[in-house]
Amino acid sequence: MGRDVHGPFCGSDWFIDDVVSNTAYVPGLLAENSIARRPDGDVLAFFSHQGYMVAWFALPAAMDDPPCFMFSEGSLEAGVHQVGPFSAFLLGELRAMAECMELIRG
C-alpha cells in the first residue's frame, strides 16, 4: 500500500516501511500458535494486523503475481492458508474496504 498511512488501510501494517518487521514477525507468530506448516525458505510478509494476522509470499517470487499465504489467530479454520495470488489478495482487501466505507457513509 505504499506510504499512505493515513488512507483507508490505516491501522494495519502493510506499508513499505512495515515489510522488514512483518517478515521478522512470521516465525514467532506461527511458533507461538503451534502451527506445524511453516514457510519453506525466505518470505516477504507484506501485511500484518494487530499482532494476530500476517500474510506473505515466498522469496524469490517464482512469478510476477506470486501465490500468497495467510495466518490468523482465532480463525475457524486454524493454520496457514493459501489466499490466491498477490493481486487478488490486494483487490479483495480493497473491495472489502470500499464496501465498509459505503456502509459507514450510509
PDB file of N, CA and C in Angstrom:
ATOM      1  N   MET A   1       0.822  -1.194   0.000  1.00  0.00           N
ATOM      2  CA  MET A   1       0.000   0.000   0.000  1.00  0.00           C
ATOM      3  C   MET A   1       0.863   1.253   0.000  1.00  0.00           C
ATOM      4  N   GLY A   2       2.129   1.099  -0.314  1.00  0.00           N
ATOM      5  CA  GLY A   2       2.996   2.268  -0.457  1.00  0.00           C
ATOM      6  C   GLY A   2       3.276   2.962   0.847  1.00  0.00           C
ATOM      7  N   ARG A   3       2.996   4.257   0.916  1.00  0.00           N
ATOM      8  CA  ARG A   3       3.302   5.051   2.107  1.00  0.00           C
ATOM      9  C   ARG A   3       2.089   5.809   2.646  1.00  0.00           C
ATOM     10  N   ASP A   4       0.900   5.551   2.141  1.00  0.00           N
ATOM     11  CA  ASP A   4      -0.297   6.289   2.533  1.00  0.00           C
ATOM     12  C   ASP A   4      -0.840   5.778   3.868  1.00  0.00           C
ATOM     13  N   VAL A   5      -0.126   6.060   4.946  1.00  0.00           N
ATOM     14  CA  VAL A   5      -0.504   5.550   6.268  1.00  0.00           C
ATOM     15  C   VAL A   5      -1.766   6.194   6.824  1.00  0.00           C
ATOM     16  N   HIS A   6      -2.256   7.244   6.208  1.00  0.00           N
ATOM     17  CA  HIS A   6      -3.484   7.892   6.679  1.00  0.00           C
ATOM     18  C   HIS A   6      -4.680   7.559   5.796  1.00  0.00           C
ATOM     19  N   GLY A   7      -4.483   6.691   4.805  1.00  0.00           N
ATOM     20  CA  GLY A   7      -5.542   6.313   3.866  1.00  0.00           C
ATOM     21  C   GLY A   7      -6.437   5.231   4.431  1.00  0.00           C
ATOM     22  N   PRO A   8      -7.118   4.518   3.569  1.00  0.00           N
ATOM     23  CA  PRO A   8      -8.118   3.551   4.014  1.00  0.00           C
ATOM     24  C   PRO A   8      -7.548   2.367   4.788  1.00  0.00           C
ATOM     25  N   PHE A   9      -6.271   2.100   4.663  1.00  0.00           N
ATOM     26  CA  PHE A   9      -5.707   0.960   5.364  1.00  0.00           C
ATOM     27  C   PHE A   9      -4.936   1.348   6.621  1.00  0.00           C
ATOM     28  N   CYS A  10      -5.223   2.525   7.124  1.00  0.00           N
ATOM     29  CA  CYS A  10      -4.657   2.989   8.387  1.00  0.00           C
ATOM     30  C   CYS A  10      -5.029   1.974   9.462  1.00  0.00           C
ATOM     31  N   GLY A  11      -4.072   1.583  10.283  1.00  0.00           N
ATOM     32  CA  GLY A  11      -4.341   0.642  11.361  1.00  0.00           C
ATOM     33  C   GLY A  11      -3.784  -0.742  11.096  1.00  0.00           C
ATOM     34  N   SER A  12      -3.491  -1.060   9.843  1.00  0.00           N
ATOM     35  CA  SER A  12      -2.844  -2.324   9.504  1.00  0.00           C
ATOM     36  C   SER A  12      -1.421  -2.015   9.063  1.00  0.00           C
ATOM     37  N   ASP A  13      -0.567  -2.998   9.199  1.00  0.00           N
ATOM     38  CA  ASP A  13       0.846  -2.808   8.866  1.00  0.00           C
ATOM     39  C   ASP A  13       1.137  -3.437   7.518  1.00  0.00           C
ATOM     40  N   TRP A  14       0.896  -2.670   6.448  1.00  0.00           N
ATOM     41  CA  TRP A  14       1.247  -3.170   5.124  1.00  0.00           C
ATOM     42  C   TRP A  14       1.728  -2.075   4.206  1.00  0.00           C
ATOM     43  N   PHE A  15       2.488  -1.231   4.823  1.00  0.00           N
ATOM     44  CA  PHE A  15       3.137  -0.159   4.084  1.00  0.00           C
ATOM     45  C   PHE A  15       4.593  -0.547   3.881  1.00  0.00           C
ATOM     46  N   ILE A  16       5.246   0.107   2.951  1.00  0.00           N
ATOM     47  CA  ILE A  16       6.604  -0.287   2.592  1.00  0.00           C
ATOM     48  C   ILE A  16       7.544  -0.302   3.806  1.00  0.00           C
ATOM     49  N   ASP A  17       7.328   0.596   4.743  1.00  0.00           N
ATOM     50  CA  ASP A  17       8.190   0.643   5.928  1.00  0.00           C
ATOM     51  C   ASP A  17       7.913  -0.495   6.909  1.00  0.00           C
ATOM     52  N   ASP A  18       6.856  -1.272   6.720  1.00  0.00           N
ATOM     53  CA  ASP A  18       6.490  -2.365   7.621  1.00  0.00           C
ATOM     54  C   ASP A  18       7.008  -3.726   7.168  1.00  0.00           C
ATOM     55  N   VAL A  19       7.500  -3.828   5.951  1.00  0.00           N
ATOM     56  CA  VAL A  19       7.858  -5.127   5.383  1.00  0.00           C
ATOM     57  C   VAL A  19       8.898  -5.863   6.226  1.00  0.00           C
ATOM     58  N   VAL A  20       9.939  -5.208   6.657  1.00  0.00           N
ATOM     59  CA  VAL A  20      11.002  -5.881   7.414  1.00  0.00           C
ATOM     60  C   VAL A  20      10.464  -6.405   8.747  1.00  0.00           C
ATOM     61  N   SER A  21       9.747  -5.585   9.491  1.00  0.00           N
ATOM     62  CA  SER A  21       9.225  -6.044  10.787  1.00  0.00           C
ATOM     63  C   SER A  21       8.148  -7.109  10.612  1.00  0.00           C
ATOM     64  N   ASN A  22       7.303  -6.986   9.590  1.00  0.00           N
ATOM     65  CA  ASN A  22       6.296  -8.023   9.325  1.00  0.00           C
ATOM     66  C   ASN A  22       6.961  -9.363   9.045  1.00  0.00           C
ATOM     67  N   THR A  23       7.996  -9.326   8.213  1.00  0.00           N
ATOM     68  CA  THR A  23       8.687 -10.554   7.830  1.00  0.00           C
ATOM     69  C   THR A  23       9.352 -11.199   9.040  1.00  0.00           C
ATOM     70  N   ALA A  24       9.945 -10.407   9.910  1.00  0.00           N
ATOM     71  CA  ALA A  24      10.571 -10.938  11.120  1.00  0.00           C
ATOM     72  C   ALA A  24       9.543 -11.526  12.072  1.00  0.00           C
ATOM     73  N   TYR A  25       8.310 -11.075  11.995  1.00  0.00           N
ATOM     74  CA  TYR A  25       7.247 -11.490  12.904  1.00  0.00           C
ATOM     75  C   TYR A  25       6.667 -12.868  12.571  1.00  0.00           C
ATOM     76  N   VAL A  26       6.723 -13.295  11.318  1.00  0.00           N
ATOM     77  CA  VAL A  26       6.081 -14.532  10.865  1.00  0.00           C
ATOM     78  C   VAL A  26       6.503 -15.759  11.678  1.00  0.00           C
ATOM     79  N   PRO A  27       7.791 -16.081  11.804  1.00  0.00           N
ATOM     80  CA  PRO A  27       8.159 -17.320  12.503  1.00  0.00           C
ATOM     81  C   PRO A  27       7.672 -17.361  13.955  1.00  0.00           C
ATOM     82  N   GLY A  28       7.778 -16.259  14.660  1.00  0.00           N
ATOM     83  CA  GLY A  28       7.351 -16.228  16.055  1.00  0.00           C
ATOM     84  C   GLY A  28       5.856 -16.411  16.224  1.00  0.00           C
ATOM     85  N   LEU A  29       5.064 -15.755  15.369  1.00  0.00           N
ATOM     86  CA  LEU A  29       3.609 -15.883  15.460  1.00  0.00           C
ATOM     87  C   LEU A  29       3.184 -17.320  15.177  1.00  0.00           C
ATOM     88  N   LEU A  30       3.773 -17.933  14.170  1.00  0.00           N
ATOM     89  CA  LEU A  30       3.424 -19.319  13.849  1.00  0.00           C
ATOM     90  C   LEU A  30       3.864 -20.268  14.955  1.00  0.00           C
ATOM     91  N   ALA A  31       5.064 -20.084  15.501  1.00  0.00           N
ATOM     92  CA  ALA A  31       5.545 -20.935  16.596  1.00  0.00           C
ATOM     93  C   ALA A  31       4.684 -20.760  17.841  1.00  0.00           C
ATOM     94  N   GLU A  32       4.337 -19.537  18.166  1.00  0.00           N
ATOM     95  CA  GLU A  32       3.506 -19.240  19.333  1.00  0.00           C
ATOM     96  C   GLU A  32       2.147 -19.935  19.260  1.00  0.00           C
ATOM     97  N   ASN A  33       1.673 -20.164  18.056  1.00  0.00           N
ATOM     98  CA  ASN A  33       0.375 -20.796  17.852  1.00  0.00           C
ATOM     99  C   ASN A  33       0.486 -22.272  17.465  1.00  0.00           C
ATOM    100  N   SER A  34       1.678 -22.847  17.640  1.00  0.00           N
ATOM    101  CA  SER A  34       1.940 -24.261  17.360  1.00  0.00           C
ATOM    102  C   SER A  34       1.514 -24.673  15.951  1.00  0.00           C
ATOM    103  N   ILE A  35       1.806 -23.815  14.985  1.00  0.00           N
ATOM    104  CA  ILE A  35       1.479 -24.090  13.593  1.00  0.00           C
ATOM    105  C   ILE A  35       2.611 -24.915  12.994  1.00  0.00           C
ATOM    106  N   ALA A  36       2.285 -26.124  12.595  1.00  0.00           N
ATOM    107  CA  ALA A  36       3.296 -27.028  12.050  1.00  0.00           C
ATOM    108  C   ALA A  36       3.698 -26.640  10.636  1.00  0.00           C
ATOM    109  N   ARG A  37       2.740 -26.169   9.834  1.00  0.00           N
ATOM    110  CA  ARG A  37       3.041 -25.783   8.451  1.00  0.00           C
ATOM    111  C   ARG A  37       3.690 -24.410   8.458  1.00  0.00           C
ATOM    112  N   ARG A  38       4.974 -24.394   8.241  1.00  0.00           N
ATOM    113  CA  ARG A  38       5.745 -23.157   8.230  1.00  0.00           C
ATOM    114  C   ARG A  38       6.266 -22.892   6.828  1.00  0.00           C
ATOM    115  N   PRO A  39       6.542 -21.629   6.527  1.00  0.00           N
ATOM    116  CA  PRO A  39       7.100 -21.320   5.205  1.00  0.00           C
ATOM    117  C   PRO A  39       8.443 -22.005   4.998  1.00  0.00           C
ATOM    118  N   ASP A  40       8.648 -22.533   3.807  1.00  0.00           N
ATOM    119  CA  ASP A  40       9.942 -23.098   3.424  1.00  0.00           C
ATOM    120  C   ASP A  40      10.789 -21.981   2.857  1.00  0.00           C
ATOM    121  N   GLY A  41      11.924 -21.706   3.448  1.00  0.00           N
ATOM    122  CA  GLY A  41      12.816 -20.684   2.913  1.00  0.00           C
ATOM    123  C   GLY A  41      12.389 -19.276   3.292  1.00  0.00           C
ATOM    124  N   ASP A  42      12.877 -18.336   2.522  1.00  0.00           N
ATOM    125  CA  ASP A  42      12.644 -16.921   2.795  1.00  0.00           C
ATOM    126  C   ASP A  42      11.258 -16.487   2.327  1.00  0.00           C
ATOM    127  N   VAL A  43      10.694 -15.516   3.053  1.00  0.00           N
ATOM    128  CA  VAL A  43       9.394 -14.953   2.694  1.00  0.00           C
ATOM    129  C   VAL A  43       9.462 -13.433   2.766  1.00  0.00           C
ATOM    130  N   LEU A  44       8.468 -12.794   2.172  1.00  0.00           N
ATOM    131  CA  LEU A  44       8.262 -11.366   2.321  1.00  0.00           C
ATOM    132  C   LEU A  44       6.839 -11.206   2.854  1.00  0.00           C
ATOM    133  N   ALA A  45       6.730 -10.752   4.098  1.00  0.00           N
ATOM    134  CA  ALA A  45       5.421 -10.552   4.722  1.00  0.00           C
ATOM    135  C   ALA A  45       4.983  -9.122   4.442  1.00  0.00           C
ATOM    136  N   PHE A  46       3.999  -8.982   3.582  1.00  0.00           N
ATOM    137  CA  PHE A  46       3.548  -7.671   3.143  1.00  0.00           C
ATOM    138  C   PHE A  46       2.396  -7.123   3.969  1.00  0.00           C
ATOM    139  N   PHE A  47       1.862  -7.914   4.904  1.00  0.00           N
ATOM    140  CA  PHE A  47       0.692  -7.484   5.674  1.00  0.00           C
ATOM    141  C   PHE A  47       0.719  -8.099   7.067  1.00  0.00           C
ATOM    142  N   SER A  48       0.395  -7.296   8.063  1.00  0.00           N
ATOM    143  CA  SER A  48       0.082  -7.822   9.390  1.00  0.00           C
ATOM    144  C   SER A  48      -0.952  -6.880  10.007  1.00  0.00           C
ATOM    145  N   HIS A  49      -1.690  -7.432  10.947  1.00  0.00           N
ATOM    146  CA  HIS A  49      -2.742  -6.639  11.573  1.00  0.00           C
ATOM    147  C   HIS A  49      -2.799  -6.969  13.059  1.00  0.00           C
ATOM    148  N   GLN A  50      -2.504  -5.995  13.878  1.00  0.00           N
ATOM    149  CA  GLN A  50      -2.630  -6.024  15.329  1.00  0.00           C
ATOM    150  C   GLN A  50      -2.070  -7.274  15.995  1.00  0.00           C
ATOM    151  N   GLY A  51      -1.034  -7.836  15.398  1.00  0.00           N
ATOM    152  CA  GLY A  51      -0.322  -8.941  16.025  1.00  0.00           C
ATOM    153  C   GLY A  51      -0.981 -10.298  15.936  1.00  0.00           C
ATOM    154  N   TYR A  52      -2.095 -10.413  15.215  1.00  0.00           N
ATOM    155  CA  TYR A  52      -2.728 -11.726  15.121  1.00  0.00           C
ATOM    156  C   TYR A  52      -2.963 -12.197  13.687  1.00  0.00           C
ATOM    157  N   MET A  53      -2.664 -11.375  12.716  1.00  0.00           N
ATOM    158  CA  MET A  53      -2.805 -11.754  11.307  1.00  0.00           C
ATOM    159  C   MET A  53      -1.531 -11.392  10.560  1.00  0.00           C
ATOM    160  N   VAL A  54      -1.155 -12.260   9.617  1.00  0.00           N
ATOM    161  CA  VAL A  54       0.012 -11.969   8.795  1.00  0.00           C
ATOM    162  C   VAL A  54      -0.159 -12.664   7.443  1.00  0.00           C
ATOM    163  N   ALA A  55       0.296 -11.998   6.375  1.00  0.00           N
ATOM    164  CA  ALA A  55       0.238 -12.568   5.025  1.00  0.00           C
ATOM    165  C   ALA A  55       1.589 -12.376   4.360  1.00  0.00           C
ATOM    166  N   TRP A  56       1.972 -13.361   3.523  1.00  0.00           N
ATOM    167  CA  TRP A  56       3.296 -13.336   2.905  1.00  0.00           C
ATOM    168  C   TRP A  56       3.295 -14.107   1.599  1.00  0.00           C
ATOM    169  N   PHE A  57       4.412 -13.962   0.866  1.00  0.00           N
ATOM    170  CA  PHE A  57       4.701 -14.833  -0.271  1.00  0.00           C
ATOM    171  C   PHE A  57       6.161 -15.238  -0.190  1.00  0.00           C
ATOM    172  N   ALA A  58       6.492 -16.351  -0.869  1.00  0.00           N
ATOM    173  CA  ALA A  58       7.842 -16.908  -0.846  1.00  0.00           C
ATOM    174  C   ALA A  58       8.790 -16.055  -1.668  1.00  0.00           C
ATOM    175  N   LEU A  59      10.045 -16.058  -1.245  1.00  0.00           N
ATOM    176  CA  LEU A  59      11.123 -15.402  -1.982  1.00  0.00           C
ATOM    177  C   LEU A  59      12.158 -16.442  -2.382  1.00  0.00           C
ATOM    178  N   PRO A  60      12.759 -16.313  -3.525  1.00  0.00           N
ATOM    179  CA  PRO A  60      12.411 -15.341  -4.548  1.00  0.00           C
ATOM    180  C   PRO A  60      11.060 -15.710  -5.151  1.00  0.00           C
ATOM    181  N   ALA A  61      10.306 -14.714  -5.526  1.00  0.00           N
ATOM    182  CA  ALA A  61       8.998 -14.939  -6.120  1.00  0.00           C
ATOM    183  C   ALA A  61       9.168 -15.664  -7.447  1.00  0.00           C
ATOM    184  N   ALA A  62       8.425 -16.738  -7.634  1.00  0.00           N
ATOM    185  CA  ALA A  62       8.550 -17.550  -8.837  1.00  0.00           C
ATOM    186  C   ALA A  62       7.885 -16.908 -10.046  1.00  0.00           C
ATOM    187  N   MET A  63       7.045 -15.899  -9.787  1.00  0.00           N
ATOM    188  CA  MET A  63       6.320 -15.237 -10.872  1.00  0.00           C
ATOM    189  C   MET A  63       6.018 -13.807 -10.451  1.00  0.00           C
ATOM    190  N   ASP A  64       5.536 -12.996 -11.369  1.00  0.00           N
ATOM    191  CA  ASP A  64       5.231 -11.601 -11.073  1.00  0.00           C
ATOM    192  C   ASP A  64       4.081 -11.448 -10.084  1.00  0.00           C
ATOM    193  N   ASP A  65       3.170 -12.401 -10.038  1.00  0.00           N
ATOM    194  CA  ASP A  65       1.994 -12.343  -9.172  1.00  0.00           C
ATOM    195  C   ASP A  65       1.978 -13.612  -8.309  1.00  0.00           C
ATOM    196  N   PRO A  66       2.865 -13.668  -7.309  1.00  0.00           N
ATOM    197  CA  PRO A  66       3.075 -14.917  -6.574  1.00  0.00           C
ATOM    198  C   PRO A  66       1.885 -15.322  -5.704  1.00  0.00           C
ATOM    199  N   PRO A  67       1.754 -16.629  -5.444  1.00  0.00           N
ATOM    200  CA  PRO A  67       0.727 -17.092  -4.522  1.00  0.00           C
ATOM    201  C   PRO A  67       1.051 -16.604  -3.111  1.00  0.00           C
ATOM    202  N   CYS A  68       0.009 -16.245  -2.375  1.00  0.00           N
ATOM    203  CA  CYS A  68       0.181 -15.704  -1.026  1.00  0.00           C
ATOM    204  C   CYS A  68      -0.426 -16.636   0.013  1.00  0.00           C
ATOM    205  N   PHE A  69       0.098 -16.526   1.211  1.00  0.00           N
ATOM    206  CA  PHE A  69      -0.354 -17.344   2.328  1.00  0.00           C
ATOM    207  C   PHE A  69      -0.707 -16.432   3.484  1.00  0.00           C
ATOM    208  N   MET A  70      -1.622 -16.906   4.339  1.00  0.00           N
ATOM    209  CA  MET A  70      -2.071 -16.076   5.454  1.00  0.00           C
ATOM    210  C   MET A  70      -2.314 -16.940   6.684  1.00  0.00           C
ATOM    211  N   PHE A  71      -2.032 -16.352   7.834  1.00  0.00           N
ATOM    212  CA  PHE A  71      -2.374 -16.969   9.109  1.00  0.00           C
ATOM    213  C   PHE A  71      -3.108 -15.929   9.946  1.00  0.00           C
ATOM    214  N   SER A  72      -4.159 -16.377  10.625  1.00  0.00           N
ATOM    215  CA  SER A  72      -4.925 -15.502  11.505  1.00  0.00           C
ATOM    216  C   SER A  72      -5.277 -16.263  12.773  1.00  0.00           C
ATOM    217  N   GLU A  73      -4.841 -15.756  13.918  1.00  0.00           N
ATOM    218  CA  GLU A  73      -5.206 -16.374  15.188  1.00  0.00           C
ATOM    219  C   GLU A  73      -6.723 -16.340  15.360  1.00  0.00           C
ATOM    220  N   GLY A  74      -7.258 -17.385  15.945  1.00  0.00           N
ATOM    221  CA  GLY A  74      -8.682 -17.410  16.229  1.00  0.00           C
ATOM    222  C   GLY A  74      -9.548 -17.726  15.033  1.00  0.00           C
ATOM    223  N   SER A  75      -8.952 -18.017  13.903  1.00  0.00           N
ATOM    224  CA  SER A  75      -9.713 -18.355  12.706  1.00  0.00           C
ATOM    225  C   SER A  75     -10.421 -19.691  12.922  1.00  0.00           C
ATOM    226  N   LEU A  76     -11.612 -19.822  12.373  1.00  0.00           N
ATOM    227  CA  LEU A  76     -12.343 -21.084  12.477  1.00  0.00           C
ATOM    228  C   LEU A  76     -11.588 -22.219  11.808  1.00  0.00           C
ATOM    229  N   GLU A  77     -10.840 -21.895  10.778  1.00  0.00           N
ATOM    230  CA  GLU A  77     -10.010 -22.874  10.085  1.00  0.00           C
ATOM    231  C   GLU A  77      -8.556 -22.578  10.433  1.00  0.00           C
ATOM    232  N   ALA A  78      -8.104 -23.139  11.561  1.00  0.00           N
ATOM    233  CA  ALA A  78      -6.760 -22.853  12.058  1.00  0.00           C
ATOM    234  C   ALA A  78      -5.699 -23.300  11.061  1.00  0.00           C
ATOM    235  N   GLY A  79      -4.627 -22.555  11.017  1.00  0.00           N
ATOM    236  CA  GLY A  79      -3.495 -22.912  10.189  1.00  0.00           C
ATOM    237  C   GLY A  79      -3.185 -21.877   9.130  1.00  0.00           C
ATOM    238  N   VAL A  80      -2.219 -22.223   8.309  1.00  0.00           N
ATOM    239  CA  VAL A  80      -1.782 -21.368   7.207  1.00  0.00           C
ATOM    240  C   VAL A  80      -2.619 -21.729   5.990  1.00  0.00           C
ATOM    241  N   HIS A  81      -3.120 -20.706   5.305  1.00  0.00           N
ATOM    242  CA  HIS A  81      -3.965 -20.929   4.138  1.00  0.00           C
ATOM    243  C   HIS A  81      -3.439 -20.157   2.940  1.00  0.00           C
ATOM    244  N   GLN A  82      -3.476 -20.799   1.771  1.00  0.00           N
ATOM    245  CA  GLN A  82      -3.151 -20.079   0.551  1.00  0.00           C
ATOM    246  C   GLN A  82      -4.357 -19.204   0.215  1.00  0.00           C
ATOM    247  N   VAL A  83      -4.112 -17.928  -0.069  1.00  0.00           N
ATOM    248  CA  VAL A  83      -5.193 -16.966  -0.285  1.00  0.00           C
ATOM    249  C   VAL A  83      -5.194 -16.395  -1.700  1.00  0.00           C
ATOM    250  N   GLY A  84      -4.569 -17.118  -2.623  1.00  0.00           N
ATOM    251  CA  GLY A  84      -4.572 -16.680  -4.013  1.00  0.00           C
ATOM    252  C   GLY A  84      -3.347 -15.860  -4.358  1.00  0.00           C
ATOM    253  N   PRO A  85      -3.312 -15.364  -5.582  1.00  0.00           N
ATOM    254  CA  PRO A  85      -2.172 -14.545  -5.998  1.00  0.00           C
ATOM    255  C   PRO A  85      -2.197 -13.178  -5.310  1.00  0.00           C
ATOM    256  N   PHE A  86      -1.049 -12.560  -5.259  1.00  0.00           N
ATOM    257  CA  PHE A  86      -0.870 -11.263  -4.598  1.00  0.00           C
ATOM    258  C   PHE A  86      -1.895 -10.238  -5.077  1.00  0.00           C
ATOM    259  N   SER A  87      -2.085 -10.132  -6.393  1.00  0.00           N
ATOM    260  CA  SER A  87      -3.019  -9.128  -6.917  1.00  0.00           C
ATOM    261  C   SER A  87      -4.451  -9.392  -6.456  1.00  0.00           C
ATOM    262  N   ALA A  88      -4.867 -10.655  -6.398  1.00  0.00           N
ATOM    263  CA  ALA A  88      -6.221 -10.988  -5.959  1.00  0.00           C
ATOM    264  C   ALA A  88      -6.401 -10.671  -4.476  1.00  0.00           C
ATOM    265  N   PHE A  89      -5.371 -10.920  -3.670  1.00  0.00           N
ATOM    266  CA  PHE A  89      -5.443 -10.604  -2.250  1.00  0.00           C
ATOM    267  C   PHE A  89      -5.638  -9.101  -2.066  1.00  0.00           C
ATOM    268  N   LEU A  90      -4.824  -8.311  -2.755  1.00  0.00           N
ATOM    269  CA  LEU A  90      -4.937  -6.857  -2.624  1.00  0.00           C
ATOM    270  C   LEU A  90      -6.281  -6.352  -3.131  1.00  0.00           C
ATOM    271  N   LEU A  91      -6.724  -6.857  -4.264  1.00  0.00           N
ATOM    272  CA  LEU A  91      -8.009  -6.439  -4.808  1.00  0.00           C
ATOM    273  C   LEU A  91      -9.154  -6.792  -3.853  1.00  0.00           C
ATOM    274  N   GLY A  92      -9.106  -7.965  -3.265  1.00  0.00           N
ATOM    275  CA  GLY A  92     -10.127  -8.367  -2.301  1.00  0.00           C
ATOM    276  C   GLY A  92     -10.156  -7.442  -1.090  1.00  0.00           C
ATOM    277  N   GLU A  93      -8.999  -7.072  -0.594  1.00  0.00           N
ATOM    278  CA  GLU A  93      -8.930  -6.160   0.553  1.00  0.00           C
ATOM    279  C   GLU A  93      -9.450  -4.775   0.185  1.00  0.00           C
ATOM    280  N   LEU A  94      -9.103  -4.309  -1.010  1.00  0.00           N
ATOM    281  CA  LEU A  94      -9.600  -3.009  -1.461  1.00  0.00           C
ATOM    282  C   LEU A  94     -11.122  -3.015  -1.597  1.00  0.00           C
ATOM    283  N   ARG A  95     -11.668  -4.095  -2.153  1.00  0.00           N
ATOM    284  CA  ARG A  95     -13.124  -4.194  -2.283  1.00  0.00           C
ATOM    285  C   ARG A  95     -13.802  -4.226  -0.926  1.00  0.00           C
ATOM    286  N   ALA A  96     -13.259  -4.993  -0.003  1.00  0.00           N
ATOM    287  CA  ALA A  96     -13.836  -5.073   1.343  1.00  0.00           C
ATOM    288  C   ALA A  96     -13.798  -3.705   2.030  1.00  0.00           C
ATOM    289  N   MET A  97     -12.702  -2.982   1.851  1.00  0.00           N
ATOM    290  CA  MET A  97     -12.590  -1.653   2.452  1.00  0.00           C
ATOM    291  C   MET A  97     -13.595  -0.701   1.817  1.00  0.00           C
ATOM    292  N   ALA A  98     -13.778  -0.767   0.499  1.00  0.00           N
ATOM    293  CA  ALA A  98     -14.740   0.096  -0.178  1.00  0.00           C
ATOM    294  C   ALA A  98     -16.165  -0.188   0.313  1.00  0.00           C
ATOM    295  N   GLU A  99     -16.507  -1.459   0.490  1.00  0.00           N
ATOM    296  CA  GLU A  99     -17.828  -1.817   0.989  1.00  0.00           C
ATOM    297  C   GLU A  99     -18.033  -1.290   2.405  1.00  0.00           C
ATOM    298  N   CYS A 100     -17.005  -1.405   3.215  1.00  0.00           N
ATOM    299  CA  CYS A 100     -17.073  -0.913   4.596  1.00  0.00           C
ATOM    300  C   CYS A 100     -17.268   0.610   4.610  1.00  0.00           C
ATOM    301  N   MET A 101     -16.538   1.303   3.761  1.00  0.00           N
ATOM    302  CA  MET A 101     -16.659   2.761   3.695  1.00  0.00           C
ATOM    303  C   MET A 101     -18.064   3.163   3.245  1.00  0.00           C
ATOM    304  N   GLU A 102     -18.659   2.418   2.322  1.00  0.00           N
ATOM    305  CA  GLU A 102     -20.013   2.697   1.858  1.00  0.00           C
ATOM    306  C   GLU A 102     -21.028   2.507   2.992  1.00  0.00           C
ATOM    307  N   LEU A 103     -20.830   1.476   3.807  1.00  0.00           N
ATOM    308  CA  LEU A 103     -21.734   1.245   4.930  1.00  0.00           C
ATOM    309  C   LEU A 103     -21.643   2.370   5.957  1.00  0.00           C
ATOM    310  N   ILE A 104     -20.437   2.856   6.175  1.00  0.00           N
ATOM    311  CA  ILE A 104     -20.235   3.943   7.139  1.00  0.00           C
ATOM    312  C   ILE A 104     -20.890   5.224   6.645  1.00  0.00           C
ATOM    313  N   ARG A 105     -20.752   5.494   5.357  1.00  0.00           N
ATOM    314  CA  ARG A 105     -21.316   6.706   4.783  1.00  0.00           C
ATOM    315  C   ARG A 105     -22.841   6.649   4.687  1.00  0.00           C
ATOM    316  N   GLY A 106     -23.356   5.424   4.657  1.00  0.00           N
ATOM    317  CA  GLY A 106     -24.809   5.236   4.630  1.00  0.00           C
ATOM    318  C   GLY A 106     -25.354   5.439   3.309  1.00  0.00           C
TER     319      GLY A 106
END
